[in-house]
Amino acid sequence: QWGGKREVMYTAFKALGDSVDYVQVCDSDTILDPYAMIELAWVLDNQPESGAVGGDVKILNEGDSYISFLSSLRYWMAFNAERACQSYFGCVSC
């Protein structure tokens, strides 16, 4: 039975085990900057106390509707204010 995205990710991570140095996860509609993976890997290579790295997520069509605009505000809060607090306190909230 289909368990959803989290179960698929868990199964993939378990299957990969220690066979890879990094795993990159994003949604199917994500557009990555051409240098995104280089920059993310650099942080992991040069800051051994870091166990994960996230990027700055933005909505490309924020001006198309009120929903997309409100979604862009929520993303800004999540990826700027909330993550700044997590960084400051040295923990990750799920």
N, C-alpha and C. Protein backbone atom coordinates (compact mmCIF):
# COMPACT_ATOMS: atom_id res chain seq x y z
N GLN A 1 0.84 -1.18 0.00
CA GLN A 1 0.00 0.00 0.00
C GLN A 1 0.88 1.25 0.00
N TRP A 2 0.45 2.24 -0.73
CA TRP A 2 1.18 3.50 -0.85
C TRP A 2 1.20 4.21 0.49
N GLY A 3 2.39 4.53 0.98
CA GLY A 3 2.53 5.18 2.27
C GLY A 3 2.80 6.66 2.18
N GLY A 4 2.95 7.19 1.00
CA GLY A 4 3.18 8.61 0.84
C GLY A 4 4.64 8.97 0.69
N LYS A 5 4.89 10.26 0.53
CA LYS A 5 6.22 10.78 0.25
C LYS A 5 7.22 10.43 1.36
N ARG A 6 6.82 10.57 2.61
CA ARG A 6 7.75 10.29 3.72
C ARG A 6 8.19 8.84 3.74
N GLU A 7 7.27 7.94 3.49
CA GLU A 7 7.63 6.52 3.47
C GLU A 7 8.57 6.21 2.32
N VAL A 8 8.32 6.80 1.17
CA VAL A 8 9.19 6.59 0.02
C VAL A 8 10.59 7.12 0.31
N MET A 9 10.67 8.29 0.92
CA MET A 9 11.97 8.85 1.26
C MET A 9 12.69 7.97 2.27
N TYR A 10 11.99 7.52 3.29
CA TYR A 10 12.59 6.64 4.30
C TYR A 10 13.13 5.36 3.66
N THR A 11 12.33 4.77 2.77
CA THR A 11 12.74 3.54 2.10
C THR A 11 13.98 3.78 1.24
N ALA A 12 14.00 4.90 0.53
CA ALA A 12 15.16 5.22 -0.32
C ALA A 12 16.41 5.45 0.53
N PHE A 13 16.29 6.20 1.62
CA PHE A 13 17.44 6.46 2.48
C PHE A 13 17.97 5.16 3.07
N LYS A 14 17.07 4.29 3.48
CA LYS A 14 17.47 3.01 4.06
C LYS A 14 18.18 2.15 3.01
N ALA A 15 17.67 2.16 1.78
CA ALA A 15 18.28 1.37 0.71
C ALA A 15 19.67 1.92 0.34
N LEU A 16 19.82 3.24 0.37
CA LEU A 16 21.11 3.84 0.03
C LEU A 16 22.16 3.57 1.11
N GLY A 17 21.73 3.58 2.35
CA GLY A 17 22.66 3.34 3.46
C GLY A 17 23.85 4.27 3.40
N ASP A 18 25.04 3.72 3.50
CA ASP A 18 26.28 4.51 3.47
C ASP A 18 26.91 4.54 2.09
N SER A 19 26.14 4.21 1.05
CA SER A 19 26.72 4.11 -0.29
C SER A 19 26.91 5.47 -0.97
N VAL A 20 26.36 6.54 -0.40
CA VAL A 20 26.51 7.87 -0.98
C VAL A 20 26.90 8.87 0.11
N ASP A 21 27.52 9.95 -0.29
CA ASP A 21 27.90 10.99 0.67
C ASP A 21 26.75 11.96 0.94
N TYR A 22 25.95 12.25 -0.08
CA TYR A 22 24.87 13.23 0.04
C TYR A 22 23.61 12.71 -0.61
N VAL A 23 22.47 13.18 -0.12
CA VAL A 23 21.18 12.91 -0.74
C VAL A 23 20.47 14.25 -0.88
N GLN A 24 20.00 14.55 -2.07
CA GLN A 24 19.28 15.79 -2.33
C GLN A 24 17.82 15.45 -2.54
N VAL A 25 16.93 16.15 -1.83
CA VAL A 25 15.50 15.89 -1.91
C VAL A 25 14.78 17.21 -2.22
N CYS A 26 13.88 17.17 -3.19
CA CYS A 26 13.04 18.34 -3.47
C CYS A 26 11.75 17.87 -4.14
N ASP A 27 10.81 18.77 -4.24
CA ASP A 27 9.55 18.45 -4.90
C ASP A 27 9.74 18.40 -6.41
N SER A 28 8.81 17.76 -7.10
CA SER A 28 8.93 17.58 -8.54
C SER A 28 8.82 18.89 -9.32
N ASP A 29 8.22 19.92 -8.73
CA ASP A 29 8.07 21.20 -9.43
C ASP A 29 9.14 22.21 -9.02
N THR A 30 10.19 21.75 -8.36
CA THR A 30 11.27 22.62 -7.91
C THR A 30 12.24 22.92 -9.05
N ILE A 31 12.63 24.17 -9.13
CA ILE A 31 13.65 24.60 -10.09
C ILE A 31 14.87 25.01 -9.27
N LEU A 32 15.97 24.28 -9.44
CA LEU A 32 17.18 24.57 -8.68
C LEU A 32 18.10 25.51 -9.45
N ASP A 33 18.75 26.40 -8.73
CA ASP A 33 19.81 27.21 -9.30
C ASP A 33 20.91 26.27 -9.78
N PRO A 34 21.55 26.57 -10.90
CA PRO A 34 22.59 25.67 -11.41
C PRO A 34 23.72 25.39 -10.42
N TYR A 35 23.97 26.30 -9.49
CA TYR A 35 25.05 26.12 -8.52
C TYR A 35 24.55 25.67 -7.15
N ALA A 36 23.28 25.37 -7.02
CA ALA A 36 22.71 25.04 -5.72
C ALA A 36 23.40 23.86 -5.06
N MET A 37 23.57 22.77 -5.77
CA MET A 37 24.15 21.58 -5.16
C MET A 37 25.62 21.79 -4.79
N ILE A 38 26.33 22.57 -5.58
CA ILE A 38 27.73 22.87 -5.26
C ILE A 38 27.81 23.63 -3.95
N GLU A 39 26.94 24.63 -3.79
CA GLU A 39 26.94 25.44 -2.57
C GLU A 39 26.49 24.62 -1.35
N LEU A 40 25.48 23.78 -1.52
CA LEU A 40 25.00 22.97 -0.41
C LEU A 40 26.06 21.95 0.02
N ALA A 41 26.70 21.32 -0.96
CA ALA A 41 27.76 20.35 -0.64
C ALA A 41 28.94 21.04 0.02
N TRP A 42 29.25 22.26 -0.38
CA TRP A 42 30.35 23.01 0.23
C TRP A 42 30.10 23.18 1.73
N VAL A 43 28.87 23.53 2.10
CA VAL A 43 28.56 23.69 3.53
C VAL A 43 28.78 22.38 4.27
N LEU A 44 28.29 21.29 3.72
CA LEU A 44 28.44 19.99 4.39
C LEU A 44 29.92 19.58 4.49
N ASP A 45 30.70 19.91 3.48
CA ASP A 45 32.12 19.56 3.48
C ASP A 45 32.93 20.42 4.46
N ASN A 46 32.53 21.67 4.62
CA ASN A 46 33.33 22.62 5.39
C ASN A 46 32.79 22.95 6.77
N GLN A 47 31.63 22.45 7.10
CA GLN A 47 31.06 22.65 8.43
C GLN A 47 30.61 21.29 8.97
N PRO A 48 31.53 20.51 9.50
CA PRO A 48 31.21 19.14 9.93
C PRO A 48 30.14 19.06 11.01
N GLU A 49 29.87 20.16 11.69
CA GLU A 49 28.80 20.13 12.69
C GLU A 49 27.41 20.21 12.06
N SER A 50 27.35 20.46 10.75
CA SER A 50 26.08 20.53 10.04
C SER A 50 25.70 19.14 9.51
N GLY A 51 24.46 18.75 9.76
CA GLY A 51 23.98 17.46 9.28
C GLY A 51 23.03 17.57 8.12
N ALA A 52 22.56 18.79 7.84
CA ALA A 52 21.63 19.01 6.73
C ALA A 52 21.75 20.47 6.30
N VAL A 53 21.36 20.73 5.06
CA VAL A 53 21.42 22.08 4.52
C VAL A 53 20.14 22.32 3.74
N GLY A 54 19.59 23.51 3.86
CA GLY A 54 18.39 23.88 3.11
C GLY A 54 18.64 25.13 2.30
N GLY A 55 17.84 25.31 1.31
CA GLY A 55 17.98 26.48 0.45
C GLY A 55 16.88 27.49 0.70
N ASP A 56 16.90 28.55 -0.08
CA ASP A 56 15.89 29.61 -0.01
C ASP A 56 14.80 29.29 -1.02
N VAL A 57 13.64 28.91 -0.54
CA VAL A 57 12.55 28.50 -1.41
C VAL A 57 11.66 29.71 -1.70
N LYS A 58 11.39 29.90 -2.98
CA LYS A 58 10.54 31.01 -3.40
C LYS A 58 9.48 30.51 -4.38
N ILE A 59 8.36 31.21 -4.44
CA ILE A 59 7.31 30.89 -5.39
C ILE A 59 7.48 31.80 -6.60
N LEU A 60 7.60 31.19 -7.77
CA LEU A 60 7.89 31.97 -8.98
C LEU A 60 6.70 32.78 -9.47
N ASN A 61 5.50 32.34 -9.18
CA ASN A 61 4.31 33.04 -9.70
C ASN A 61 3.57 33.79 -8.59
N GLU A 62 4.31 34.42 -7.67
CA GLU A 62 3.67 35.04 -6.51
C GLU A 62 2.69 36.15 -6.88
N GLY A 63 2.82 36.74 -8.05
CA GLY A 63 1.92 37.81 -8.45
C GLY A 63 0.69 37.35 -9.20
N ASP A 64 0.52 36.04 -9.39
CA ASP A 64 -0.58 35.53 -10.21
C ASP A 64 -1.93 35.53 -9.49
N SER A 65 -1.92 35.36 -8.18
CA SER A 65 -3.18 35.30 -7.44
C SER A 65 -2.93 35.61 -5.97
N TYR A 66 -4.01 35.80 -5.22
CA TYR A 66 -3.87 36.03 -3.78
C TYR A 66 -3.30 34.80 -3.10
N ILE A 67 -3.71 33.63 -3.55
CA ILE A 67 -3.21 32.38 -2.96
C ILE A 67 -1.71 32.25 -3.14
N SER A 68 -1.23 32.50 -4.35
CA SER A 68 0.22 32.38 -4.58
C SER A 68 0.97 33.46 -3.81
N PHE A 69 0.38 34.65 -3.68
CA PHE A 69 1.04 35.71 -2.89
C PHE A 69 1.11 35.32 -1.41
N LEU A 70 0.00 34.83 -0.87
CA LEU A 70 -0.01 34.40 0.54
C LEU A 70 0.94 33.22 0.76
N SER A 71 1.01 32.33 -0.21
CA SER A 71 1.94 31.21 -0.11
C SER A 71 3.38 31.71 -0.09
N SER A 72 3.68 32.74 -0.88
CA SER A 72 5.04 33.29 -0.90
C SER A 72 5.38 33.91 0.45
N LEU A 73 4.40 34.54 1.12
CA LEU A 73 4.64 35.09 2.45
C LEU A 73 4.93 33.98 3.45
N ARG A 74 4.17 32.91 3.36
CA ARG A 74 4.39 31.77 4.26
C ARG A 74 5.77 31.15 4.04
N TYR A 75 6.16 30.99 2.78
CA TYR A 75 7.48 30.44 2.49
C TYR A 75 8.57 31.36 3.04
N TRP A 76 8.39 32.68 2.89
CA TRP A 76 9.39 33.61 3.39
C TRP A 76 9.54 33.44 4.90
N MET A 77 8.43 33.38 5.61
CA MET A 77 8.49 33.18 7.07
C MET A 77 9.19 31.87 7.41
N ALA A 78 8.84 30.80 6.72
CA ALA A 78 9.41 29.49 7.03
C ALA A 78 10.91 29.45 6.75
N PHE A 79 11.34 30.02 5.64
CA PHE A 79 12.73 29.87 5.24
C PHE A 79 13.62 31.02 5.67
N ASN A 80 13.06 32.02 6.29
CA ASN A 80 13.88 33.12 6.80
C ASN A 80 13.73 33.25 8.31
N ALA A 81 12.57 33.62 8.79
CA ALA A 81 12.39 33.82 10.24
C ALA A 81 12.50 32.52 11.03
N GLU A 82 11.74 31.50 10.64
CA GLU A 82 11.74 30.25 11.40
C GLU A 82 13.10 29.55 11.36
N ARG A 83 13.71 29.48 10.20
CA ARG A 83 15.02 28.81 10.10
C ARG A 83 16.11 29.62 10.80
N ALA A 84 15.98 30.94 10.82
CA ALA A 84 16.95 31.75 11.56
C ALA A 84 16.87 31.42 13.06
N CYS A 85 15.67 31.25 13.57
CA CYS A 85 15.50 30.86 14.97
C CYS A 85 16.08 29.48 15.23
N GLN A 86 15.84 28.56 14.33
CA GLN A 86 16.39 27.20 14.49
C GLN A 86 17.91 27.25 14.49
N SER A 87 18.47 28.04 13.61
CA SER A 87 19.93 28.17 13.56
C SER A 87 20.45 28.79 14.85
N TYR A 88 19.80 29.81 15.33
CA TYR A 88 20.24 30.49 16.54
C TYR A 88 20.25 29.53 17.74
N PHE A 89 19.19 28.72 17.86
CA PHE A 89 19.08 27.81 18.99
C PHE A 89 19.75 26.45 18.74
N GLY A 90 20.27 26.25 17.52
CA GLY A 90 21.00 25.03 17.21
C GLY A 90 20.13 23.78 17.18
N CYS A 91 18.89 23.93 16.70
CA CYS A 91 18.00 22.77 16.63
C CYS A 91 17.10 22.92 15.40
N VAL A 92 16.47 21.80 15.03
CA VAL A 92 15.55 21.80 13.90
C VAL A 92 14.18 21.39 14.40
N SER A 93 13.18 22.13 13.98
CA SER A 93 11.80 21.81 14.35
C SER A 93 11.10 21.19 13.16
N CYS A 94 10.34 20.15 13.41
CA CYS A 94 9.61 19.49 12.32
C CYS A 94 8.12 19.65 12.49
